[in-house]
Protein backbone atom coordinates (compact mmCIF):
# COMPACT_ATOMS: atom_id res chain seq x y z
CA MET A 1 106.77 136.12 118.90
CA LYS A 2 104.06 138.73 119.40
CA LYS A 3 101.32 136.07 119.21
CA SER A 4 103.15 133.95 121.80
CA LEU A 5 103.31 136.83 124.26
CA ILE A 6 99.62 137.56 123.79
CA ALA A 7 98.78 133.88 124.34
CA ILE A 8 100.88 133.79 127.52
CA ALA A 9 99.21 136.93 128.86
CA VAL A 10 95.69 135.68 128.13
CA SER A 11 96.27 132.24 129.61
CA SER A 12 97.89 133.75 132.70
CA VAL A 13 94.83 135.91 133.29
CA VAL A 14 92.58 132.86 132.87
CA PHE A 15 94.61 130.78 135.35
CA THR A 16 94.64 133.61 137.86
CA SER A 17 90.90 134.26 137.61
CA ILE A 18 90.09 130.56 138.00
CA ALA A 19 92.28 130.32 141.07
CA GLN A 20 90.86 133.49 142.60
CA ALA A 21 87.29 132.21 142.16
CA SER A 22 87.83 129.35 144.59
CA ASP A 23 88.64 129.62 148.30
CA ASP A 24 90.85 126.48 148.24
CA SER A 25 93.25 127.60 145.54
CA TYR A 26 96.35 129.67 145.02
CA VAL A 27 98.59 131.03 142.26
CA ASP A 28 102.28 131.81 142.75
CA ALA A 29 104.76 133.50 140.46
CA TYR A 30 108.32 132.21 140.43
CA GLY A 31 111.47 133.05 138.59
CA ASN A 32 115.20 132.87 138.21
CA ILE A 33 117.30 135.80 137.00
CA GLN A 34 120.68 134.98 135.47
CA LEU A 35 122.69 137.95 134.23
CA VAL A 36 126.23 138.01 132.85
CA TYR A 37 128.55 141.01 133.03
CA HIS A 38 131.23 140.94 130.32
CA ASN A 39 134.13 143.41 130.15
CA SER A 40 136.65 143.38 127.27
CA ASP A 41 139.81 145.39 126.75
CA LEU A 42 140.00 146.81 123.22
CA SER A 43 143.16 147.13 121.12
CA ASP A 44 142.95 150.94 121.14
CA GLY A 45 143.28 151.05 124.94
CA GLY A 46 139.59 151.40 125.72
CA SER A 47 137.22 148.85 127.13
CA GLU A 48 133.79 147.55 126.29
CA SER A 49 131.29 146.13 128.76
CA GLU A 50 127.79 144.72 128.55
CA ILE A 51 125.19 142.95 130.66
CA THR A 52 123.31 140.10 128.97
CA ASP A 53 120.69 137.54 129.91
CA ASN A 54 122.03 134.04 130.52
CA GLY A 55 118.82 132.01 130.62
CA SER A 56 116.47 133.79 133.01
CA THR A 57 113.10 132.10 133.54
CA PHE A 58 109.73 132.96 135.04
CA GLY A 59 106.41 131.23 135.41
CA PHE A 60 103.23 130.65 137.35
CA LYS A 61 102.18 127.66 139.41
CA GLY A 62 99.08 126.94 141.38
CA GLU A 63 96.51 124.48 142.55
CA SER A 64 92.80 124.36 143.16
CA ARG A 65 90.75 121.91 145.19
CA ILE A 66 88.02 120.50 142.96
CA ASN A 67 86.43 118.38 145.69
CA ASN A 68 87.63 116.63 148.88
CA ASP A 69 89.32 113.83 146.92
CA LEU A 70 90.63 115.72 143.89
CA THR A 71 93.04 118.64 143.48
CA GLY A 72 94.03 120.15 140.15
CA PHE A 73 97.36 121.87 139.64
CA PHE A 74 99.32 123.64 136.91
CA LYS A 75 102.79 124.94 136.24
CA TYR A 76 103.09 127.35 133.38
């Protein structure tokens, strides 16, 4: 897991620096947060509650004009 996070961070920096080097390019961050609030009544009269992740996502997308006829894009 640690290696995956490092790889994501490094590749994100590379994509951002490539896009920033060109005038005809952009990089956007996008995401979707899905949280669940769960409350349970316990048998001793108390209650228990928690907030958990229910499939949140995030990513980067962008494009860069290579020449007048060709545009490269990515979604990561």
